[in-house]
Protein backbone atom coordinates (compact mmCIF):
# COMPACT_ATOMS: atom_id res chain seq x y z
CA MET A 1 7.77 14.70 36.89
CA GLN A 2 5.17 17.31 37.84
CA ILE A 3 1.86 17.28 39.68
CA LYS A 4 -0.96 17.38 37.13
CA TRP A 5 -3.68 18.83 39.35
CA ARG A 6 -4.25 21.88 37.11
CA LYS A 7 -4.13 19.77 33.92
CA TYR A 8 -6.62 17.17 35.20
CA GLU A 9 -8.91 19.93 36.44
CA GLN A 10 -8.93 21.64 33.03
CA ILE A 11 -9.76 18.37 31.28
CA LEU A 12 -12.49 17.66 33.84
CA VAL A 13 -14.07 21.12 33.48
CA THR A 14 -14.01 20.82 29.67
CA LEU A 15 -15.78 17.46 29.80
CA LEU A 16 -18.31 18.80 32.31
CA VAL A 17 -19.13 21.69 29.98
CA VAL A 18 -19.60 19.30 27.07
CA LEU A 19 -21.86 17.08 29.18
CA THR A 20 -23.90 20.05 30.38
CA ILE A 21 -24.40 21.39 26.86
CA CYS A 22 -25.32 17.95 25.51
CA GLY A 23 -27.72 17.26 28.37
CA THR A 24 -29.36 20.66 27.91
CA ALA A 25 -29.70 20.18 24.16
CA VAL A 26 -31.25 16.71 24.54
CA PHE A 27 -33.61 17.15 27.47
CA ASP A 28 -34.54 20.86 27.32
CA LYS A 29 -35.07 21.41 23.59
CA ASP A 30 -38.84 21.70 24.08
CA ARG A 31 -38.38 25.04 25.91
CA GLY A 32 -37.68 26.80 22.65
CA PRO A 33 -34.54 27.69 20.71
CA VAL A 34 -34.04 31.08 22.37
CA VAL A 35 -34.17 29.73 25.93
CA LEU A 36 -32.02 26.78 24.91
CA LEU A 37 -29.44 29.05 23.27
CA CYS A 38 -29.30 31.32 26.32
CA GLN A 39 -28.78 28.38 28.67
CA ILE A 40 -25.99 26.95 26.50
CA GLY A 41 -24.49 30.42 26.06
CA VAL A 42 -24.27 31.01 29.82
CA THR A 43 -22.57 27.63 30.28
CA PHE A 44 -20.08 28.42 27.54
CA GLN A 45 -19.47 31.88 28.97
CA LEU A 46 -18.72 30.38 32.38
CA TYR A 47 -16.23 28.08 30.66
CA LEU A 48 -14.53 31.02 28.95
CA LEU A 49 -14.25 32.75 32.34
CA TYR A 50 -12.57 29.62 33.71
CA LEU A 51 -10.12 29.44 30.78
CA TRP A 52 -9.22 33.12 31.03
CA LEU A 53 -8.42 32.75 34.71
CA ASN A 54 -6.44 29.51 34.31
CA LEU A 55 -4.62 30.11 31.04
CA LEU A 56 -3.86 33.83 31.27
CA ILE A 57 -4.27 35.45 34.67
CA ILE A 58 -3.12 32.74 37.11
CA PRO A 59 -0.06 31.59 35.09
CA ALA A 60 1.06 35.20 34.70
CA VAL A 61 0.96 35.69 38.47
CA VAL A 62 2.60 32.34 39.22
CA ASP A 63 5.42 32.88 36.72
CA ALA A 64 6.04 36.49 37.77
CA ARG A 65 9.71 37.13 38.47
CA ARG A 66 10.92 39.42 41.24
CA HIS A 67 7.30 40.22 42.20
CA LYS A 68 6.87 42.90 39.57
CA ALA A 69 4.01 45.17 40.60
CA GLY A 70 2.98 45.76 36.97
CA ILE A 71 2.17 42.08 36.45
CA TYR A 72 -0.04 41.96 39.54
CA LEU A 73 -1.80 45.18 38.56
CA LEU A 74 -2.47 43.86 35.04
CA ALA A 75 -3.75 40.57 36.44
CA PHE A 76 -6.09 42.41 38.82
CA LEU A 77 -7.48 44.57 36.02
CA GLN A 78 -8.10 41.45 33.91
CA TRP A 79 -9.78 39.85 36.89
CA LEU A 80 -12.18 42.79 37.19
CA LEU A 81 -12.80 42.73 33.43
CA VAL A 82 -13.72 39.04 33.21
CA SER A 83 -15.98 39.38 36.26
CA TYR A 84 -17.80 42.28 34.64
CA LEU A 85 -18.10 40.54 31.26
CA PHE A 86 -19.57 37.48 32.94
CA ALA A 87 -22.16 39.58 34.79
CA LEU A 88 -23.00 41.41 31.56
CA GLY A 89 -23.45 38.09 29.73
CA ILE A 90 -25.83 36.90 32.44
CA ASN A 91 -27.80 40.13 32.06
CA ILE A 92 -28.16 39.68 28.30
CA ALA A 93 -29.13 36.01 28.63
CA SER A 94 -31.71 36.77 31.32
CA TYR A 95 -33.25 39.48 29.14
CA HIS A 96 -33.82 37.04 26.28
CA ALA A 97 -34.62 33.88 28.28
CA HIS A 98 -36.90 35.41 30.95
CA PRO A 99 -36.06 32.71 33.52
CA ALA A 100 -38.60 34.13 35.97
CA LEU A 101 -41.33 32.67 33.74
CA TYR A 102 -40.02 29.12 34.18
CA ASN A 103 -39.91 26.82 37.14
CA TYR A 104 -36.76 25.27 35.76
CA GLY A 105 -33.75 23.98 37.68
CA GLY A 106 -31.47 24.74 34.76
CA PHE A 107 -31.76 28.46 35.58
CA ARG A 108 -30.16 28.17 38.99
CA LEU A 109 -27.22 30.20 37.76
CA PHE A 110 -29.59 33.00 36.72
CA ALA A 111 -31.12 32.99 40.18
CA LEU A 112 -27.69 32.99 41.78
CA MET A 113 -26.54 35.97 39.74
CA GLY A 114 -29.86 37.80 39.92
CA TYR A 115 -31.56 37.97 36.53
CA ASN A 116 -32.21 41.36 34.97
CA ASP A 117 -35.11 41.97 32.62
CA HIS A 118 -33.75 45.40 31.65
CA PRO A 119 -29.99 44.89 31.03
CA LEU A 120 -29.64 48.03 28.92
CA THR A 121 -30.74 50.28 31.77
CA ASN A 122 -28.56 48.65 34.44
CA VAL A 123 -25.33 47.34 32.92
CA PHE A 124 -23.77 46.62 36.32
CA ALA A 125 -26.52 44.33 37.61
CA GLY A 126 -25.03 41.16 39.09
CA PHE A 127 -21.49 42.56 39.02
CA ASP A 128 -21.14 42.18 42.79
CA ARG A 129 -22.25 38.54 42.68
CA SER A 130 -19.91 37.87 39.77
CA LEU A 131 -17.00 39.34 41.75
CA ILE A 132 -17.82 37.08 44.69
CA LEU A 133 -18.02 34.00 42.45
CA THR A 134 -14.73 34.85 40.75
CA ALA A 135 -13.08 35.63 44.09
CA PHE A 136 -14.06 32.24 45.51
CA TYR A 137 -12.57 30.41 42.54
CA THR A 138 -9.44 32.59 42.57
CA ALA A 139 -8.89 31.74 46.23
CA TYR A 140 -9.25 28.03 45.44
CA ALA A 141 -6.86 28.33 42.49
CA GLY A 142 -4.34 30.15 44.67
CA LEU A 143 -4.45 27.33 47.22
CA ARG A 144 -4.10 24.80 44.39
CA GLU A 145 -0.98 26.48 43.03
CA TYR A 146 0.51 26.87 46.51
CA PHE A 147 0.01 23.24 47.51
CA THR A 148 1.26 22.07 44.11
CA PHE A 149 4.41 24.14 44.53
CA LYS A 150 5.05 22.88 48.06
CA ALA A 151 4.42 19.27 47.08
CA GLU A 152 6.77 19.48 44.10
CA GLN A 153 9.44 21.12 46.23
CA SER A 154 9.27 18.46 48.96
CA ALA A 155 9.02 15.65 46.42
CA LYS A 156 11.58 17.04 44.02
CA GLU A 157 13.73 13.92 44.21
CA LYS A 158 10.83 11.58 44.91
CA PRO A 159 8.75 11.03 41.74
CA TYR A 160 6.90 8.26 43.55
CA ARG A 161 5.06 10.79 45.71
CA VAL A 162 4.18 12.91 42.69
CA LEU A 163 2.92 9.80 40.91
CA VAL A 164 0.66 8.91 43.84
CA LEU A 165 -0.79 12.44 43.97
CA ASN A 166 -1.47 12.35 40.22
CA GLN A 167 -3.27 9.02 40.60
CA VAL A 168 -5.43 10.46 43.38
CA PHE A 169 -6.31 13.55 41.33
CA LEU A 170 -7.15 11.39 38.31
CA LEU A 171 -9.44 9.14 40.38
CA VAL A 172 -11.20 12.16 41.90
CA SER A 173 -11.70 13.63 38.41
CA ILE A 174 -13.26 10.38 37.17
CA TYR A 175 -15.48 10.27 40.25
CA VAL A 176 -16.81 13.80 39.63
CA LEU A 177 -17.24 13.14 35.91
CA VAL A 178 -19.35 10.02 36.49
CA SER A 179 -21.59 11.93 38.92
CA ALA A 180 -22.06 14.76 36.42
CA THR A 181 -22.84 12.32 33.61
CA LEU A 182 -25.53 10.56 35.65
CA LEU A 183 -27.14 13.90 36.47
CA ALA A 184 -26.80 15.52 33.03
CA PHE A 185 -28.48 12.63 31.22
CA HIS A 186 -31.08 12.07 33.93
CA VAL A 187 -29.86 8.56 34.70
CA LEU A 188 -30.48 9.40 38.35
CA ASP A 189 -32.51 12.25 39.76
CA LYS A 190 -31.02 14.39 42.51
CA GLY A 191 -32.55 12.40 45.38
CA ASP A 192 -31.36 9.04 44.05
CA ARG A 193 -27.94 10.49 43.30
CA ASP A 194 -27.59 11.73 46.88
CA VAL A 195 -28.47 8.32 48.30
CA ILE A 196 -26.73 6.00 45.84
CA TYR A 197 -23.76 8.00 44.61
CA PHE A 198 -22.82 10.29 47.47
CA SER A 199 -23.85 8.30 50.53
CA ILE A 200 -22.80 4.85 49.21
CA ILE A 201 -20.18 5.18 46.48
CA THR A 202 -18.40 8.22 47.95
CA PRO A 203 -17.46 6.52 51.27
CA VAL A 204 -16.19 3.49 49.33
CA VAL A 205 -13.94 5.73 47.23
CA LEU A 206 -12.68 7.53 50.35
CA VAL A 207 -11.91 4.22 52.10
CA TYR A 208 -10.06 2.99 49.00
CA LEU A 209 -7.91 6.14 48.78
CA GLY A 210 -7.20 6.22 52.52
CA ASN A 211 -6.31 2.55 52.74
CA THR A 212 -4.27 2.36 49.53
CA TYR A 213 -2.17 5.49 49.91
CA TRP A 214 -1.98 5.92 53.68
CA LEU A 215 -3.11 3.13 56.00
CA PHE A 216 -1.72 0.02 54.28
CA PRO A 217 1.66 1.55 53.24
CA SER A 218 2.20 2.77 56.81
CA GLN A 219 1.73 -0.81 58.04
CA GLU A 220 4.17 -2.32 55.52
CA LYS A 221 6.31 -5.09 57.10
CA LYS A 222 4.77 -4.46 60.54
CA PRO A 223 2.53 -6.81 62.54
CA ILE A 224 -1.08 -5.81 63.03
CA SER A 225 -1.23 -3.73 66.19
CA LEU A 226 -3.84 -2.02 68.31
CA LEU A 227 -2.80 1.31 66.75
CA PHE A 228 -3.45 -0.03 63.25
CA ILE A 229 -6.90 -1.35 64.23
CA THR A 230 -7.74 1.97 65.88
CA ARG A 231 -6.71 3.89 62.76
CA LEU A 232 -8.76 1.53 60.59
CA LEU A 233 -11.93 1.88 62.67
CA LEU A 234 -11.60 5.64 63.06
CA SER A 235 -10.82 6.31 59.39
CA THR A 236 -13.67 4.17 58.07
CA PHE A 237 -16.02 5.88 60.53
CA LEU A 238 -14.96 9.35 59.38
CA TYR A 239 -15.19 8.34 55.71
CA THR A 240 -18.67 6.85 56.12
CA VAL A 241 -20.90 8.25 58.86
CA PRO A 242 -20.56 12.05 58.28
CA VAL A 243 -21.11 11.60 54.53
CA ASN A 244 -24.10 9.35 55.22
CA TRP A 245 -25.74 11.90 57.51
CA LEU A 246 -24.97 14.76 55.12
CA PHE A 247 -26.80 13.32 52.10
CA ILE A 248 -29.46 11.11 53.68
CA HIS A 249 -31.88 13.27 55.61
CA TYR A 250 -34.48 10.68 56.57
CA GLY A 251 -35.38 7.00 56.45
CA PRO A 252 -33.87 3.75 57.72
CA ALA A 253 -30.68 4.22 55.71
CA ARG A 254 -29.71 6.99 58.13
CA ASP A 255 -30.93 5.20 61.23
CA TYR A 256 -28.79 2.13 60.52
CA TRP A 257 -25.56 3.96 59.79
CA PHE A 258 -23.62 1.48 61.90
CA VAL A 259 -24.57 -1.29 59.44
CA TRP A 260 -22.98 0.65 56.58
CA TRP A 261 -19.95 1.36 58.75
CA GLY A 262 -19.63 -2.36 59.46
CA PHE A 263 -19.86 -3.04 55.71
CA GLN A 264 -16.94 -0.67 55.15
CA VAL A 265 -14.83 -2.44 57.80
CA LEU A 266 -15.73 -6.04 56.95
CA ILE A 267 -16.23 -5.89 53.16
CA THR A 268 -14.71 -2.74 51.63
CA THR A 269 -11.48 -2.90 53.64
CA PRO A 270 -10.60 -6.52 52.68
CA VAL A 271 -11.38 -5.75 49.03
CA THR A 272 -9.13 -2.69 49.08
CA TRP A 273 -6.43 -4.81 50.75
CA LEU A 274 -6.60 -7.29 47.86
CA LEU A 275 -6.43 -4.44 45.34
CA TYR A 276 -3.50 -2.93 47.22
CA GLN A 277 -1.66 -6.25 47.22
CA SER A 278 -2.18 -6.60 43.47
CA ARG A 279 -0.59 -3.18 42.91
CA ARG A 280 1.89 -3.35 45.78
CA ASP A 281 4.73 -4.83 43.75
CA ASN A 282 4.43 -2.11 41.10
CA LEU A 283 4.32 0.66 43.70
CA LEU A 284 7.29 -0.74 45.62
CA GLN A 285 9.17 -1.25 42.38
CA LEU A 286 8.75 2.45 41.61
CA LYS A 287 10.01 3.39 45.07
CA ASN A 288 12.95 0.99 44.90
CA THR A 289 13.85 2.17 41.42
CA GLN A 290 13.99 5.75 42.67
CA LYS A 291 16.16 4.64 45.60
CA ALA A 292 18.51 2.80 43.26
CA LEU A 293 18.79 5.84 40.99
CA ALA A 294 19.54 8.13 43.91
CA ASN A 295 22.08 5.68 45.29
CA SER A 296 23.76 5.29 41.90
CA LYS A 297 23.87 9.07 41.54
CA ALA A 298 25.49 9.37 44.95
CA ASP A 299 28.03 6.65 44.13
CA LEU A 300 28.85 8.26 40.79
CA GLN A 301 29.30 11.71 42.31
CA PHE A 302 31.43 10.25 45.05
CA LEU A 303 33.62 8.29 42.67
CA ARG A 304 34.05 11.31 40.42
CA SER A 305 35.11 13.44 43.37
CA GLN A 306 37.00 11.01 45.60
CA ILE A 307 38.57 8.58 43.15
CA ASN A 308 39.97 11.08 40.70
CA PRO A 309 43.47 12.05 39.59
CA HIS A 310 43.40 15.23 41.67
CA PHE A 311 42.86 13.43 44.97
CA LEU A 312 45.31 10.63 44.15
CA PHE A 313 47.90 13.12 42.94
CA ASN A 314 47.74 15.07 46.20
CA ALA A 315 47.90 11.90 48.30
CA LEU A 316 50.87 10.49 46.42
CA ASN A 317 52.73 13.81 46.58
CA THR A 318 52.16 13.85 50.33
CA LEU A 319 53.50 10.32 50.69
CA TYR A 320 56.51 11.18 48.52
CA GLY A 321 57.36 14.24 50.66
CA THR A 322 56.94 12.25 53.85
CA ALA A 323 59.25 9.53 52.52
CA LEU A 324 61.98 12.08 51.88
CA LEU A 325 61.68 13.47 55.39
CA GLU A 326 61.24 10.36 57.47
CA GLN A 327 62.52 7.60 55.18
CA SER A 328 59.71 5.05 55.58
CA PRO A 329 57.55 4.76 58.74
CA LYS A 330 54.86 7.32 57.87
CA THR A 331 55.11 6.45 54.20
CA ALA A 332 54.15 2.86 54.89
CA GLU A 333 51.35 4.00 57.18
CA GLY A 334 50.03 6.44 54.61
CA ILE A 335 50.12 3.88 51.81
CA GLN A 336 48.24 1.41 53.98
CA LYS A 337 45.53 3.96 54.82
CA LEU A 338 45.19 4.93 51.19
CA GLY A 339 44.88 1.29 50.20
CA ASP A 340 42.19 0.69 52.80
CA MET A 341 40.25 3.70 51.55
CA MET A 342 40.44 2.57 47.93
CA ARG A 343 39.41 -0.95 48.89
CA PHE A 344 36.41 0.41 50.76
CA MET A 345 35.33 2.61 47.85
CA LEU A 346 35.63 -0.15 45.30
CA HIS A 347 34.08 -3.04 47.24
CA ASP A 348 31.77 -1.72 49.99
CA ASN A 349 30.43 1.59 48.72
CA HIS A 350 27.83 -0.04 46.44
CA LEU A 351 25.84 -1.46 49.40
CA ASP A 352 22.79 0.29 50.88
CA PHE A 353 24.08 -0.25 54.42
CA ILE A 354 27.45 -1.29 55.86
CA PRO A 355 28.74 -1.99 59.40
CA MET A 356 29.43 1.16 61.36
CA SER A 357 32.99 -0.02 61.99
CA GLN A 358 33.81 0.22 58.27
CA GLU A 359 32.45 3.75 57.98
CA VAL A 360 34.43 4.82 61.06
CA ALA A 361 37.62 3.21 59.74
CA TYR A 362 37.29 5.06 56.44
CA LEU A 363 36.62 8.33 58.27
CA LYS A 364 39.74 7.92 60.41
CA ASN A 365 41.89 7.08 57.39
CA TYR A 366 40.64 10.15 55.56
CA ILE A 367 41.46 12.41 58.53
CA SER A 368 44.89 10.83 58.97
CA LEU A 369 45.83 11.34 55.33
CA PHE A 370 44.77 14.95 55.44
CA LYS A 371 46.78 15.53 58.60
CA LEU A 372 49.88 14.35 56.74
CA ARG A 373 49.36 17.13 54.21
CA ILE A 374 49.26 19.89 56.83
CA GLN A 375 51.65 18.51 59.45
CA THR A 376 54.23 21.28 58.85
CA SER A 377 51.74 24.12 59.46
CA ASP A 378 51.52 25.70 62.92
CA ASN A 379 48.40 27.69 61.98
CA ILE A 380 46.16 24.63 61.65
CA ARG A 381 44.63 22.71 64.55
CA ILE A 382 42.64 19.53 64.00
CA THR A 383 40.98 17.73 66.92
CA GLU A 384 38.91 14.59 66.73
CA GLN A 385 36.90 12.57 69.22
CA ILE A 386 35.70 9.44 67.45
CA GLU A 387 34.49 6.55 69.55
CA GLU A 388 35.66 3.04 68.87
CA CYS A 389 32.95 0.96 67.28
CA ASN A 390 32.03 -2.06 69.39
CA SER A 391 28.56 -2.73 68.02
CA GLY A 392 27.18 -4.32 64.88
CA GLN A 393 24.89 -1.45 63.90
CA LEU A 394 24.60 -0.47 60.24
CA ILE A 395 24.84 2.86 58.42
CA GLY A 396 24.53 4.05 54.84
CA PRO A 397 28.01 4.28 53.27
CA MET A 398 29.62 7.69 52.83
CA LEU A 399 27.08 9.55 54.99
CA LEU A 400 29.67 10.90 57.45
CA ILE A 401 32.64 11.74 55.21
CA PRO A 402 30.98 14.68 53.33
CA PHE A 403 30.72 16.67 56.59
CA VAL A 404 34.42 16.15 57.30
CA GLU A 405 35.36 16.77 53.68
CA ASN A 406 33.39 20.02 53.72
CA ALA A 407 35.26 21.13 56.86
CA PHE A 408 38.68 20.47 55.29
CA LYS A 409 37.62 22.14 52.06
CA HIS A 410 36.36 25.39 53.56
CA GLY A 411 37.93 25.50 57.02
CA ILE A 412 41.66 25.33 56.24
CA SER A 413 43.86 28.28 55.30
CA GLN A 414 47.65 28.18 54.99
CA THR A 415 48.00 31.84 56.00
CA GLU A 416 45.37 32.25 58.73
CA LYS A 417 44.62 30.50 61.97
CA SER A 418 42.43 27.51 61.14
CA TRP A 419 40.82 24.77 63.15
CA ILE A 420 38.55 21.76 62.75
CA ASP A 421 36.79 19.88 65.55
CA ILE A 422 35.20 16.47 64.78
CA ARG A 423 33.08 14.57 67.33
CA LEU A 424 31.39 11.24 66.63
CA ASN A 425 29.32 9.44 69.24
CA TYR A 426 27.05 6.46 68.73
CA ASP A 427 25.25 3.71 70.57
CA GLU A 428 22.53 1.19 69.81
CA LYS A 429 19.88 3.93 69.56
CA GLU A 430 21.48 6.74 67.60
CA ILE A 431 24.53 8.10 65.78
CA ARG A 432 25.59 11.72 66.31
CA LEU A 433 28.23 13.55 64.28
CA GLU A 434 29.23 17.15 64.96
CA VAL A 435 31.80 18.95 62.82
CA ARG A 436 32.95 22.52 63.48
CA ASN A 437 35.43 24.43 61.38
CA SER A 438 36.77 27.96 61.02
CA LEU A 439 35.54 30.06 58.12
CA HIS A 440 37.80 31.90 55.66
CA PRO A 441 35.47 33.46 53.10
CA ASP A 442 38.20 35.56 51.51
CA LYS A 443 41.01 32.99 51.39
CA ALA A 444 42.85 32.95 48.09
CA GLU A 445 44.22 29.41 48.28
CA ASP A 446 42.25 26.23 48.79
CA LEU A 447 43.79 22.83 49.43
CA GLU A 448 40.78 21.26 47.76
CA LYS A 449 40.17 23.89 45.06
CA GLY A 450 38.45 22.46 42.04
CA LYS A 451 37.13 19.49 44.00
CA SER A 452 33.45 19.75 44.82
CA GLY A 453 33.02 16.58 46.88
CA ILE A 454 29.79 14.62 46.98
CA GLY A 455 28.23 17.56 48.82
CA LEU A 456 25.82 18.02 51.67
CA GLN A 457 22.91 18.33 49.24
CA ASN A 458 23.58 14.82 47.98
CA VAL A 459 23.75 13.57 51.57
CA SER A 460 20.40 15.23 52.26
CA GLU A 461 18.82 13.38 49.33
CA ARG A 462 20.16 10.03 50.50
CA LEU A 463 18.99 10.68 54.04
CA ARG A 464 15.44 11.34 52.83
CA LEU A 465 15.46 8.09 50.90
CA PHE A 466 17.07 5.70 53.36
CA TYR A 467 16.38 7.30 56.75
CA SER A 468 13.07 9.04 56.07
CA ASP A 469 11.89 10.46 59.43
CA ARG A 470 14.78 8.90 61.38
CA HIS A 471 17.31 11.69 60.85
CA LYS A 472 18.03 15.31 61.67
CA MET A 473 20.55 17.42 59.80
CA HIS A 474 21.45 20.97 60.75
CA CYS A 475 24.08 23.23 59.19
CA GLU A 476 24.73 26.80 60.30
CA ALA A 477 27.42 29.44 59.88
CA LYS A 478 27.79 31.88 62.77
CA ASN A 479 30.45 33.73 64.75
CA GLY A 480 33.21 32.86 62.33
CA GLU A 481 32.62 29.12 62.32
CA PHE A 482 30.57 26.58 60.40
CA VAL A 483 28.70 23.94 62.44
CA ALA A 484 27.25 20.76 60.92
CA VAL A 485 25.30 18.27 63.04
CA LEU A 486 23.90 14.94 61.84
CA LEU A 487 21.70 12.74 64.03
CA LEU A 488 20.61 9.27 62.84
CA LYS A 489 18.09 7.16 64.73
CA ASN A 490 18.61 3.41 64.52
CA LYS A 491 15.66 1.12 63.89
């Protein structure tokens, strides 16, 4: 799922051009066919400039690989060309339409560009203004592409966020389109539009967007607090009063701004709350569906990596070798640990959260089984400091084991000095896991070769879904060791 900002903008601009041409053709036909044709031609030329920038120049720059200088140079030359062609078109239209002879608001663009009654003698007239206009839009488009890229990167595994952004962009597009329609077909003159549409409807739309996608979701399952009331009053004030003062320059409507602010708090806010409640189940269902998909993906990857013939074959071979050497005690212990691990994976791993004691028990069993495999090696040192769990706190299943698995996978060498240090501390407020292991980038053998594990990337995805802003994860390789630290804040 992708953010459709650029797509919605292109549709909006196309409809605005159609509205402008239709409005000009209907209400300005008495000015003569030549003037009418020039006005429509300038509008269409502006639209072509927009399409050239958005369909050719900007995508070429965005999709450029390895920052090739030739692509940027070609895009810059095209940018200069379209700016010049637009200025030249304005010159030609101004020569035929003579906008200086008319007191006509439709020629604002001519006035902005500087009309030229002698375009053939000065072919660069208005080129500077055209460059400025194009530069302003290019800067906006650059910011649009940058924010779209960042939003899609941060929401890569969260289609819900992308969906919300698309809904906001669609609503804004409809809002702009309605305003343009009212103006193009003279339903409202500019003064009435400023008062009715911008100073009244605009704050309502802003309150709806702010409440639906920010204020109410942040208060989900929480009692109404002083902080929530403060946010509500401040947000409705900022959405209402500055807009009111900006578009209403005189009269009682501006003097009684506090009445309109009170209307937003007492009327608009409850209505938006009812609308939010009617859509809440659908929005939460989308979020929960994404969580379930991510959780299922994590379970599937885990089962494919942990419960597979490779892992079981290694474990059983270890138990068989131990049985030959010691004739039963460690064999029985190993079989019991393996059984506990399999029971945990089959029965408890499907839950969103499990008791911390179960996660710790699985972690200890995993470490113990691996120690059996390397017990005859003097080159390998494994130390662990794992606290006993005496509390009933919960944790997402399989969040700790990938860090330990990663250490065993990359930190053990049969021919070089190797070490792993595991520390797990937790209390009622937080859980902290630190795993350090030696690095052997050039080792030929790998005890876990061919086994990818569920991976730290998968853990990162699950943390974002189930712990949101209540976690910190840091991984770093330096000075011949790899350090992984996970910090979870309890609710």
